[in-house]
Amino acid sequence: MKNNKKSWKIEGDTLPADLREKLKDVFRQSQNALDSLPRPLAPPWEMFPDYARTSMGWRMGSGETYMDYFREWFLALPLDERQDYINSTTIPVEWVGWLEGIHP
């Protein structure tokens, strides 16, 4: 019987082709899900209300993914639209100044 098990052993600096394709698929699925979110995007504290500002959830998993996507979206706004967003958003005390501090 032939062994069809995939080998994801990294040799040198190159990922095996099957692993590269798997990672590309996962990235595409994540990107499609994020692209389908309604605009304007909800601020992070509304999207993940159980995460404190200093939560590890912003540095890993879905919180990190959303935070990265939010920053990219926010920085793509013209400056006047960024300010309008800030002015129209209720910002919790622990998040005050965070939106203004987002830089490329």
PDB file of N, CA and C in Angstrom:
ATOM      1  N   MET A   1       0.841  -1.176   0.000  1.00  0.00           N
ATOM      2  CA  MET A   1       0.000   0.000   0.000  1.00  0.00           C
ATOM      3  C   MET A   1       0.889   1.243   0.000  1.00  0.00           C
ATOM      4  N   LYS A   2       0.555   2.201  -0.843  1.00  0.00           N
ATOM      5  CA  LYS A   2       1.335   3.434  -0.955  1.00  0.00           C
ATOM      6  C   LYS A   2       0.987   4.382   0.196  1.00  0.00           C
ATOM      7  N   ASN A   3       2.001   5.012   0.749  1.00  0.00           N
ATOM      8  CA  ASN A   3       1.801   5.969   1.826  1.00  0.00           C
ATOM      9  C   ASN A   3       1.511   7.343   1.208  1.00  0.00           C
ATOM     10  N   ASN A   4       0.282   7.841   1.393  1.00  0.00           N
ATOM     11  CA  ASN A   4      -0.114   9.150   0.852  1.00  0.00           C
ATOM     12  C   ASN A   4       0.034  10.268   1.872  1.00  0.00           C
ATOM     13  N   LYS A   5       0.671   9.987   2.966  1.00  0.00           N
ATOM     14  CA  LYS A   5       0.847  10.988   4.004  1.00  0.00           C
ATOM     15  C   LYS A   5       1.723  12.126   3.480  1.00  0.00           C
ATOM     16  N   LYS A   6       1.278  13.362   3.732  1.00  0.00           N
ATOM     17  CA  LYS A   6       2.039  14.529   3.300  1.00  0.00           C
ATOM     18  C   LYS A   6       3.195  14.767   4.270  1.00  0.00           C
ATOM     19  N   SER A   7       4.302  15.191   3.724  1.00  0.00           N
ATOM     20  CA  SER A   7       5.447  15.529   4.550  1.00  0.00           C
ATOM     21  C   SER A   7       5.583  17.042   4.590  1.00  0.00           C
ATOM     22  N   TRP A   8       5.446  17.600   5.776  1.00  0.00           N
ATOM     23  CA  TRP A   8       5.585  19.037   5.909  1.00  0.00           C
ATOM     24  C   TRP A   8       6.901  19.381   6.607  1.00  0.00           C
ATOM     25  N   LYS A   9       7.873  18.554   6.384  1.00  0.00           N
ATOM     26  CA  LYS A   9       9.186  18.805   6.952  1.00  0.00           C
ATOM     27  C   LYS A   9       9.840  19.952   6.188  1.00  0.00           C
ATOM     28  N   ILE A  10      10.296  20.927   6.928  1.00  0.00           N
ATOM     29  CA  ILE A  10      10.960  22.078   6.316  1.00  0.00           C
ATOM     30  C   ILE A  10      12.432  21.744   6.157  1.00  0.00           C
ATOM     31  N   GLU A  11      12.898  21.831   4.927  1.00  0.00           N
ATOM     32  CA  GLU A  11      14.302  21.573   4.639  1.00  0.00           C
ATOM     33  C   GLU A  11      14.920  22.853   4.119  1.00  0.00           C
ATOM     34  N   GLY A  12      15.948  23.301   4.804  1.00  0.00           N
ATOM     35  CA  GLY A  12      16.554  24.570   4.423  1.00  0.00           C
ATOM     36  C   GLY A  12      15.582  25.695   4.735  1.00  0.00           C
ATOM     37  N   ASP A  13      15.433  26.633   3.796  1.00  0.00           N
ATOM     38  CA  ASP A  13      14.536  27.767   3.981  1.00  0.00           C
ATOM     39  C   ASP A  13      13.263  27.636   3.163  1.00  0.00           C
ATOM     40  N   THR A  14      12.978  26.457   2.642  1.00  0.00           N
ATOM     41  CA  THR A  14      11.858  26.282   1.725  1.00  0.00           C
ATOM     42  C   THR A  14      10.775  25.403   2.340  1.00  0.00           C
ATOM     43  N   LEU A  15       9.542  25.909   2.304  1.00  0.00           N
ATOM     44  CA  LEU A  15       8.406  25.093   2.732  1.00  0.00           C
ATOM     45  C   LEU A  15       8.038  24.137   1.611  1.00  0.00           C
ATOM     46  N   PRO A  16       7.630  22.926   1.935  1.00  0.00           N
ATOM     47  CA  PRO A  16       7.165  22.006   0.894  1.00  0.00           C
ATOM     48  C   PRO A  16       5.973  22.615   0.152  1.00  0.00           C
ATOM     49  N   ALA A  17       5.826  22.285  -1.125  1.00  0.00           N
ATOM     50  CA  ALA A  17       4.774  22.875  -1.968  1.00  0.00           C
ATOM     51  C   ALA A  17       3.385  22.638  -1.394  1.00  0.00           C
ATOM     52  N   ASP A  18       3.119  21.442  -0.846  1.00  0.00           N
ATOM     53  CA  ASP A  18       1.780  21.176  -0.316  1.00  0.00           C
ATOM     54  C   ASP A  18       1.467  22.055   0.894  1.00  0.00           C
ATOM     55  N   LEU A  19       2.453  22.341   1.721  1.00  0.00           N
ATOM     56  CA  LEU A  19       2.245  23.230   2.863  1.00  0.00           C
ATOM     57  C   LEU A  19       2.049  24.665   2.397  1.00  0.00           C
ATOM     58  N   ARG A  20       2.828  25.098   1.411  1.00  0.00           N
ATOM     59  CA  ARG A  20       2.650  26.458   0.866  1.00  0.00           C
ATOM     60  C   ARG A  20       1.233  26.644   0.348  1.00  0.00           C
ATOM     61  N   GLU A  21       0.724  25.645  -0.380  1.00  0.00           N
ATOM     62  CA  GLU A  21      -0.634  25.736  -0.923  1.00  0.00           C
ATOM     63  C   GLU A  21      -1.675  25.759   0.191  1.00  0.00           C
ATOM     64  N   LYS A  22      -1.476  24.937   1.212  1.00  0.00           N
ATOM     65  CA  LYS A  22      -2.398  24.916   2.351  1.00  0.00           C
ATOM     66  C   LYS A  22      -2.429  26.279   3.031  1.00  0.00           C
ATOM     67  N   LEU A  23      -1.277  26.875   3.250  1.00  0.00           N
ATOM     68  CA  LEU A  23      -1.212  28.192   3.887  1.00  0.00           C
ATOM     69  C   LEU A  23      -1.857  29.265   3.015  1.00  0.00           C
ATOM     70  N   LYS A  24      -1.656  29.196   1.711  1.00  0.00           N
ATOM     71  CA  LYS A  24      -2.300  30.151   0.801  1.00  0.00           C
ATOM     72  C   LYS A  24      -3.813  30.033   0.884  1.00  0.00           C
ATOM     73  N   ASP A  25      -4.329  28.799   0.952  1.00  0.00           N
ATOM     74  CA  ASP A  25      -5.775  28.584   1.056  1.00  0.00           C
ATOM     75  C   ASP A  25      -6.331  29.183   2.353  1.00  0.00           C
ATOM     76  N   VAL A  26      -5.629  28.949   3.445  1.00  0.00           N
ATOM     77  CA  VAL A  26      -6.067  29.491   4.732  1.00  0.00           C
ATOM     78  C   VAL A  26      -6.062  31.015   4.678  1.00  0.00           C
ATOM     79  N   PHE A  27      -5.023  31.609   4.107  1.00  0.00           N
ATOM     80  CA  PHE A  27      -4.954  33.064   3.994  1.00  0.00           C
ATOM     81  C   PHE A  27      -6.106  33.594   3.144  1.00  0.00           C
ATOM     82  N   ARG A  28      -6.369  32.955   2.000  1.00  0.00           N
ATOM     83  CA  ARG A  28      -7.471  33.398   1.120  1.00  0.00           C
ATOM     84  C   ARG A  28      -8.809  33.348   1.846  1.00  0.00           C
ATOM     85  N   GLN A  29      -9.044  32.283   2.586  1.00  0.00           N
ATOM     86  CA  GLN A  29     -10.303  32.154   3.318  1.00  0.00           C
ATOM     87  C   GLN A  29     -10.439  33.257   4.366  1.00  0.00           C
ATOM     88  N   SER A  30      -9.361  33.524   5.083  1.00  0.00           N
ATOM     89  CA  SER A  30      -9.382  34.589   6.096  1.00  0.00           C
ATOM     90  C   SER A  30      -9.608  35.944   5.452  1.00  0.00           C
ATOM     91  N   GLN A  31      -8.907  36.204   4.356  1.00  0.00           N
ATOM     92  CA  GLN A  31      -9.037  37.481   3.658  1.00  0.00           C
ATOM     93  C   GLN A  31     -10.458  37.669   3.133  1.00  0.00           C
ATOM     94  N   ASN A  32     -11.044  36.624   2.566  1.00  0.00           N
ATOM     95  CA  ASN A  32     -12.412  36.716   2.056  1.00  0.00           C
ATOM     96  C   ASN A  32     -13.395  37.002   3.182  1.00  0.00           C
ATOM     97  N   ALA A  33     -13.197  36.372   4.321  1.00  0.00           N
ATOM     98  CA  ALA A  33     -14.084  36.603   5.461  1.00  0.00           C
ATOM     99  C   ALA A  33     -13.968  38.045   5.947  1.00  0.00           C
ATOM    100  N   LEU A  34     -12.753  38.562   6.028  1.00  0.00           N
ATOM    101  CA  LEU A  34     -12.559  39.938   6.477  1.00  0.00           C
ATOM    102  C   LEU A  34     -13.074  40.942   5.451  1.00  0.00           C
ATOM    103  N   ASP A  35     -12.879  40.656   4.178  1.00  0.00           N
ATOM    104  CA  ASP A  35     -13.353  41.560   3.136  1.00  0.00           C
ATOM    105  C   ASP A  35     -14.871  41.661   3.112  1.00  0.00           C
ATOM    106  N   SER A  36     -15.553  40.649   3.634  1.00  0.00           N
ATOM    107  CA  SER A  36     -17.012  40.654   3.610  1.00  0.00           C
ATOM    108  C   SER A  36     -17.627  41.388   4.805  1.00  0.00           C
ATOM    109  N   LEU A  37     -16.801  41.882   5.718  1.00  0.00           N
ATOM    110  CA  LEU A  37     -17.322  42.619   6.870  1.00  0.00           C
ATOM    111  C   LEU A  37     -17.955  43.939   6.414  1.00  0.00           C
ATOM    112  N   PRO A  38     -19.043  44.351   7.073  1.00  0.00           N
ATOM    113  CA  PRO A  38     -19.690  45.613   6.683  1.00  0.00           C
ATOM    114  C   PRO A  38     -18.800  46.812   6.986  1.00  0.00           C
ATOM    115  N   ARG A  39     -18.966  47.848   6.191  1.00  0.00           N
ATOM    116  CA  ARG A  39     -18.208  49.081   6.368  1.00  0.00           C
ATOM    117  C   ARG A  39     -19.111  50.156   6.935  1.00  0.00           C
ATOM    118  N   PRO A  40     -18.665  51.049   7.775  1.00  0.00           N
ATOM    119  CA  PRO A  40     -17.317  51.061   8.335  1.00  0.00           C
ATOM    120  C   PRO A  40     -17.125  49.889   9.289  1.00  0.00           C
ATOM    121  N   LEU A  41     -15.873  49.519   9.469  1.00  0.00           N
ATOM    122  CA  LEU A  41     -15.579  48.418  10.379  1.00  0.00           C
ATOM    123  C   LEU A  41     -15.885  48.823  11.819  1.00  0.00           C
ATOM    124  N   ALA A  42     -16.332  47.854  12.576  1.00  0.00           N
ATOM    125  CA  ALA A  42     -16.539  48.080  14.007  1.00  0.00           C
ATOM    126  C   ALA A  42     -15.169  48.228  14.659  1.00  0.00           C
ATOM    127  N   PRO A  43     -15.051  49.111  15.645  1.00  0.00           N
ATOM    128  CA  PRO A  43     -13.768  49.208  16.343  1.00  0.00           C
ATOM    129  C   PRO A  43     -13.482  47.893  17.073  1.00  0.00           C
ATOM    130  N   PRO A  44     -12.223  47.609  17.321  1.00  0.00           N
ATOM    131  CA  PRO A  44     -11.850  46.327  17.942  1.00  0.00           C
ATOM    132  C   PRO A  44     -12.597  46.028  19.237  1.00  0.00           C
ATOM    133  N   TRP A  45     -12.811  47.025  20.080  1.00  0.00           N
ATOM    134  CA  TRP A  45     -13.474  46.791  21.364  1.00  0.00           C
ATOM    135  C   TRP A  45     -14.944  46.415  21.201  1.00  0.00           C
ATOM    136  N   GLU A  46     -15.551  46.758  20.074  1.00  0.00           N
ATOM    137  CA  GLU A  46     -16.918  46.311  19.809  1.00  0.00           C
ATOM    138  C   GLU A  46     -16.929  44.917  19.181  1.00  0.00           C
ATOM    139  N   MET A  47     -15.933  44.638  18.360  1.00  0.00           N
ATOM    140  CA  MET A  47     -15.871  43.346  17.699  1.00  0.00           C
ATOM    141  C   MET A  47     -15.541  42.233  18.698  1.00  0.00           C
ATOM    142  N   PHE A  48     -14.684  42.531  19.655  1.00  0.00           N
ATOM    143  CA  PHE A  48     -14.286  41.568  20.685  1.00  0.00           C
ATOM    144  C   PHE A  48     -14.464  42.213  22.063  1.00  0.00           C
ATOM    145  N   PRO A  49     -15.712  42.371  22.508  1.00  0.00           N
ATOM    146  CA  PRO A  49     -15.963  43.105  23.758  1.00  0.00           C
ATOM    147  C   PRO A  49     -15.395  42.438  25.008  1.00  0.00           C
ATOM    148  N   ASP A  50     -15.073  41.170  24.940  1.00  0.00           N
ATOM    149  CA  ASP A  50     -14.523  40.485  26.115  1.00  0.00           C
ATOM    150  C   ASP A  50     -13.012  40.637  26.238  1.00  0.00           C
ATOM    151  N   TYR A  51     -12.380  41.253  25.252  1.00  0.00           N
ATOM    152  CA  TYR A  51     -10.920  41.446  25.302  1.00  0.00           C
ATOM    153  C   TYR A  51     -10.600  42.809  25.907  1.00  0.00           C
ATOM    154  N   ALA A  52      -9.849  42.803  26.977  1.00  0.00           N
ATOM    155  CA  ALA A  52      -9.336  44.060  27.534  1.00  0.00           C
ATOM    156  C   ALA A  52      -8.313  44.639  26.556  1.00  0.00           C
ATOM    157  N   ARG A  53      -8.039  45.904  26.667  1.00  0.00           N
ATOM    158  CA  ARG A  53      -7.092  46.567  25.757  1.00  0.00           C
ATOM    159  C   ARG A  53      -5.733  45.869  25.745  1.00  0.00           C
ATOM    160  N   THR A  54      -5.326  45.348  26.869  1.00  0.00           N
ATOM    161  CA  THR A  54      -4.010  44.713  26.968  1.00  0.00           C
ATOM    162  C   THR A  54      -4.075  43.193  26.846  1.00  0.00           C
ATOM    163  N   SER A  55      -5.206  42.686  26.402  1.00  0.00           N
ATOM    164  CA  SER A  55      -5.384  41.234  26.300  1.00  0.00           C
ATOM    165  C   SER A  55      -4.416  40.602  25.303  1.00  0.00           C
ATOM    166  N   MET A  56      -3.985  39.400  25.611  1.00  0.00           N
ATOM    167  CA  MET A  56      -3.151  38.616  24.706  1.00  0.00           C
ATOM    168  C   MET A  56      -3.926  38.285  23.424  1.00  0.00           C
ATOM    169  N   GLY A  57      -5.248  38.348  23.499  1.00  0.00           N
ATOM    170  CA  GLY A  57      -6.087  38.066  22.338  1.00  0.00           C
ATOM    171  C   GLY A  57      -5.841  38.988  21.154  1.00  0.00           C
ATOM    172  N   TRP A  58      -5.284  40.169  21.402  1.00  0.00           N
ATOM    173  CA  TRP A  58      -4.952  41.099  20.311  1.00  0.00           C
ATOM    174  C   TRP A  58      -3.637  40.743  19.638  1.00  0.00           C
ATOM    175  N   ARG A  59      -2.889  39.819  20.248  1.00  0.00           N
ATOM    176  CA  ARG A  59      -1.585  39.454  19.708  1.00  0.00           C
ATOM    177  C   ARG A  59      -1.535  38.038  19.159  1.00  0.00           C
ATOM    178  N   MET A  60      -2.704  37.387  19.113  1.00  0.00           N
ATOM    179  CA  MET A  60      -2.760  36.043  18.556  1.00  0.00           C
ATOM    180  C   MET A  60      -4.192  35.701  18.174  1.00  0.00           C
ATOM    181  N   GLY A  61      -4.344  34.825  17.225  1.00  0.00           N
ATOM    182  CA  GLY A  61      -5.662  34.341  16.850  1.00  0.00           C
ATOM    183  C   GLY A  61      -6.527  35.366  16.139  1.00  0.00           C
ATOM    184  N   SER A  62      -7.834  35.249  16.344  1.00  0.00           N
ATOM    185  CA  SER A  62      -8.772  36.087  15.604  1.00  0.00           C
ATOM    186  C   SER A  62      -8.682  37.553  16.008  1.00  0.00           C
ATOM    187  N   GLY A  63      -8.344  37.840  17.255  1.00  0.00           N
ATOM    188  CA  GLY A  63      -8.170  39.232  17.677  1.00  0.00           C
ATOM    189  C   GLY A  63      -7.027  39.902  16.934  1.00  0.00           C
ATOM    190  N   GLU A  64      -5.921  39.203  16.807  1.00  0.00           N
ATOM    191  CA  GLU A  64      -4.770  39.733  16.073  1.00  0.00           C
ATOM    192  C   GLU A  64      -5.116  39.951  14.603  1.00  0.00           C
ATOM    193  N   THR A  65      -5.801  38.984  14.017  1.00  0.00           N
ATOM    194  CA  THR A  65      -6.175  39.092  12.610  1.00  0.00           C
ATOM    195  C   THR A  65      -7.078  40.300  12.396  1.00  0.00           C
ATOM    196  N   TYR A  66      -8.081  40.453  13.271  1.00  0.00           N
ATOM    197  CA  TYR A  66      -8.988  41.594  13.123  1.00  0.00           C
ATOM    198  C   TYR A  66      -8.252  42.907  13.342  1.00  0.00           C
ATOM    199  N   MET A  67      -7.395  42.948  14.350  1.00  0.00           N
ATOM    200  CA  MET A  67      -6.648  44.179  14.643  1.00  0.00           C
ATOM    201  C   MET A  67      -5.795  44.586  13.448  1.00  0.00           C
ATOM    202  N   ASP A  68      -5.110  43.635  12.829  1.00  0.00           N
ATOM    203  CA  ASP A  68      -4.295  43.936  11.646  1.00  0.00           C
ATOM    204  C   ASP A  68      -5.162  44.461  10.511  1.00  0.00           C
ATOM    205  N   TYR A  69      -6.288  43.814  10.290  1.00  0.00           N
ATOM    206  CA  TYR A  69      -7.187  44.218   9.218  1.00  0.00           C
ATOM    207  C   TYR A  69      -7.778  45.594   9.501  1.00  0.00           C
ATOM    208  N   PHE A  70      -8.164  45.824  10.764  1.00  0.00           N
ATOM    209  CA  PHE A  70      -8.721  47.124  11.142  1.00  0.00           C
ATOM    210  C   PHE A  70      -7.713  48.234  10.898  1.00  0.00           C
ATOM    211  N   ARG A  71      -6.469  48.036  11.322  1.00  0.00           N
ATOM    212  CA  ARG A  71      -5.430  49.055  11.113  1.00  0.00           C
ATOM    213  C   ARG A  71      -5.261  49.367   9.627  1.00  0.00           C
ATOM    214  N   GLU A  72      -5.199  48.326   8.814  1.00  0.00           N
ATOM    215  CA  GLU A  72      -5.037  48.516   7.375  1.00  0.00           C
ATOM    216  C   GLU A  72      -6.205  49.319   6.809  1.00  0.00           C
ATOM    217  N   TRP A  73      -7.420  48.949   7.202  1.00  0.00           N
ATOM    218  CA  TRP A  73      -8.607  49.653   6.733  1.00  0.00           C
ATOM    219  C   TRP A  73      -8.599  51.097   7.213  1.00  0.00           C
ATOM    220  N   PHE A  74      -8.332  51.319   8.491  1.00  0.00           N
ATOM    221  CA  PHE A  74      -8.351  52.650   9.080  1.00  0.00           C
ATOM    222  C   PHE A  74      -7.318  53.562   8.427  1.00  0.00           C
ATOM    223  N   LEU A  75      -6.109  53.044   8.213  1.00  0.00           N
ATOM    224  CA  LEU A  75      -5.053  53.854   7.598  1.00  0.00           C
ATOM    225  C   LEU A  75      -5.323  54.165   6.134  1.00  0.00           C
ATOM    226  N   ALA A  76      -6.175  53.368   5.486  1.00  0.00           N
ATOM    227  CA  ALA A  76      -6.524  53.624   4.088  1.00  0.00           C
ATOM    228  C   ALA A  76      -7.550  54.750   3.957  1.00  0.00           C
ATOM    229  N   LEU A  77      -8.199  55.112   5.069  1.00  0.00           N
ATOM    230  CA  LEU A  77      -9.172  56.204   5.024  1.00  0.00           C
ATOM    231  C   LEU A  77      -8.456  57.539   4.852  1.00  0.00           C
ATOM    232  N   PRO A  78      -9.055  58.478   4.122  1.00  0.00           N
ATOM    233  CA  PRO A  78      -8.509  59.839   4.092  1.00  0.00           C
ATOM    234  C   PRO A  78      -8.543  60.428   5.506  1.00  0.00           C
ATOM    235  N   LEU A  79      -7.656  61.358   5.793  1.00  0.00           N
ATOM    236  CA  LEU A  79      -7.541  61.907   7.151  1.00  0.00           C
ATOM    237  C   LEU A  79      -8.861  62.450   7.685  1.00  0.00           C
ATOM    238  N   ASP A  80      -9.642  63.131   6.852  1.00  0.00           N
ATOM    239  CA  ASP A  80     -10.909  63.688   7.336  1.00  0.00           C
ATOM    240  C   ASP A  80     -11.895  62.575   7.698  1.00  0.00           C
ATOM    241  N   GLU A  81     -11.881  61.464   6.958  1.00  0.00           N
ATOM    242  CA  GLU A  81     -12.769  60.335   7.277  1.00  0.00           C
ATOM    243  C   GLU A  81     -12.311  59.619   8.546  1.00  0.00           C
ATOM    244  N   ARG A  82     -11.002  59.575   8.770  1.00  0.00           N
ATOM    245  CA  ARG A  82     -10.496  58.999  10.030  1.00  0.00           C
ATOM    246  C   ARG A  82     -11.018  59.806  11.211  1.00  0.00           C
ATOM    247  N   GLN A  83     -10.923  61.143  11.072  1.00  0.00           N
ATOM    248  CA  GLN A  83     -11.377  62.013  12.161  1.00  0.00           C
ATOM    249  C   GLN A  83     -12.884  61.888  12.365  1.00  0.00           C
ATOM    250  N   ASP A  84     -13.643  61.793  11.285  1.00  0.00           N
ATOM    251  CA  ASP A  84     -15.091  61.582  11.394  1.00  0.00           C
ATOM    252  C   ASP A  84     -15.388  60.272  12.125  1.00  0.00           C
ATOM    253  N   TYR A  85     -14.642  59.225  11.807  1.00  0.00           N
ATOM    254  CA  TYR A  85     -14.820  57.918  12.459  1.00  0.00           C
ATOM    255  C   TYR A  85     -14.551  58.055  13.953  1.00  0.00           C
ATOM    256  N   ILE A  86     -13.451  58.698  14.302  1.00  0.00           N
ATOM    257  CA  ILE A  86     -13.087  58.890  15.709  1.00  0.00           C
ATOM    258  C   ILE A  86     -14.182  59.665  16.431  1.00  0.00           C
ATOM    259  N   ASN A  87     -14.674  60.733  15.802  1.00  0.00           N
ATOM    260  CA  ASN A  87     -15.694  61.577  16.427  1.00  0.00           C
ATOM    261  C   ASN A  87     -17.036  60.868  16.582  1.00  0.00           C
ATOM    262  N   SER A  88     -17.320  59.905  15.713  1.00  0.00           N
ATOM    263  CA  SER A  88     -18.623  59.235  15.752  1.00  0.00           C
ATOM    264  C   SER A  88     -18.609  57.936  16.559  1.00  0.00           C
ATOM    265  N   THR A  89     -17.468  57.585  17.119  1.00  0.00           N
ATOM    266  CA  THR A  89     -17.316  56.311  17.826  1.00  0.00           C
ATOM    267  C   THR A  89     -17.264  56.544  19.328  1.00  0.00           C
ATOM    268  N   THR A  90     -18.016  55.751  20.063  1.00  0.00           N
ATOM    269  CA  THR A  90     -17.932  55.779  21.520  1.00  0.00           C
ATOM    270  C   THR A  90     -16.716  54.958  21.920  1.00  0.00           C
ATOM    271  N   ILE A  91     -15.775  55.612  22.556  1.00  0.00           N
ATOM    272  CA  ILE A  91     -14.500  54.976  22.874  1.00  0.00           C
ATOM    273  C   ILE A  91     -14.416  54.715  24.381  1.00  0.00           C
ATOM    274  N   PRO A  92     -14.230  53.451  24.775  1.00  0.00           N
ATOM    275  CA  PRO A  92     -14.067  53.144  26.208  1.00  0.00           C
ATOM    276  C   PRO A  92     -12.814  53.826  26.765  1.00  0.00           C
ATOM    277  N   VAL A  93     -12.838  54.116  28.041  1.00  0.00           N
ATOM    278  CA  VAL A  93     -11.740  54.836  28.691  1.00  0.00           C
ATOM    279  C   VAL A  93     -10.386  54.197  28.392  1.00  0.00           C
ATOM    280  N   GLU A  94     -10.295  52.870  28.485  1.00  0.00           N
ATOM    281  CA  GLU A  94      -8.983  52.224  28.301  1.00  0.00           C
ATOM    282  C   GLU A  94      -8.472  52.321  26.852  1.00  0.00           C
ATOM    283  N   TRP A  95      -9.355  52.679  25.917  1.00  0.00           N
ATOM    284  CA  TRP A  95      -8.970  52.776  24.509  1.00  0.00           C
ATOM    285  C   TRP A  95      -8.772  54.221  24.046  1.00  0.00           C
ATOM    286  N   VAL A  96      -9.016  55.203  24.917  1.00  0.00           N
ATOM    287  CA  VAL A  96      -8.882  56.606  24.522  1.00  0.00           C
ATOM    288  C   VAL A  96      -7.469  56.863  24.001  1.00  0.00           C
ATOM    289  N   GLY A  97      -7.383  57.481  22.843  1.00  0.00           N
ATOM    290  CA  GLY A  97      -6.104  57.817  22.217  1.00  0.00           C
ATOM    291  C   GLY A  97      -5.564  56.736  21.301  1.00  0.00           C
ATOM    292  N   TRP A  98      -6.119  55.540  21.382  1.00  0.00           N
ATOM    293  CA  TRP A  98      -5.598  54.444  20.564  1.00  0.00           C
ATOM    294  C   TRP A  98      -5.808  54.705  19.077  1.00  0.00           C
ATOM    295  N   LEU A  99      -7.015  55.115  18.674  1.00  0.00           N
ATOM    296  CA  LEU A  99      -7.270  55.364  17.254  1.00  0.00           C
ATOM    297  C   LEU A  99      -6.352  56.452  16.704  1.00  0.00           C
ATOM    298  N   GLU A 100      -6.175  57.508  17.491  1.00  0.00           N
ATOM    299  CA  GLU A 100      -5.298  58.589  17.038  1.00  0.00           C
ATOM    300  C   GLU A 100      -3.848  58.156  16.937  1.00  0.00           C
ATOM    301  N   GLY A 101      -3.494  57.102  17.649  1.00  0.00           N
ATOM    302  CA  GLY A 101      -2.110  56.628  17.669  1.00  0.00           C
ATOM    303  C   GLY A 101      -1.780  55.607  16.584  1.00  0.00           C
ATOM    304  N   ILE A 102      -2.755  55.233  15.768  1.00  0.00           N
ATOM    305  CA  ILE A 102      -2.476  54.254  14.704  1.00  0.00           C
ATOM    306  C   ILE A 102      -1.652  54.938  13.622  1.00  0.00           C
ATOM    307  N   HIS A 103      -0.500  54.383  13.352  1.00  0.00           N
ATOM    308  CA  HIS A 103       0.394  54.918  12.323  1.00  0.00           C
ATOM    309  C   HIS A 103       0.847  53.796  11.412  1.00  0.00           C
ATOM    310  N   PRO A 104       1.174  54.155  10.173  1.00  0.00           N
ATOM    311  CA  PRO A 104       1.688  53.118   9.245  1.00  0.00           C
ATOM    312  C   PRO A 104       3.045  52.588   9.692  1.00  0.00           C
TER     313      PRO A 104
END
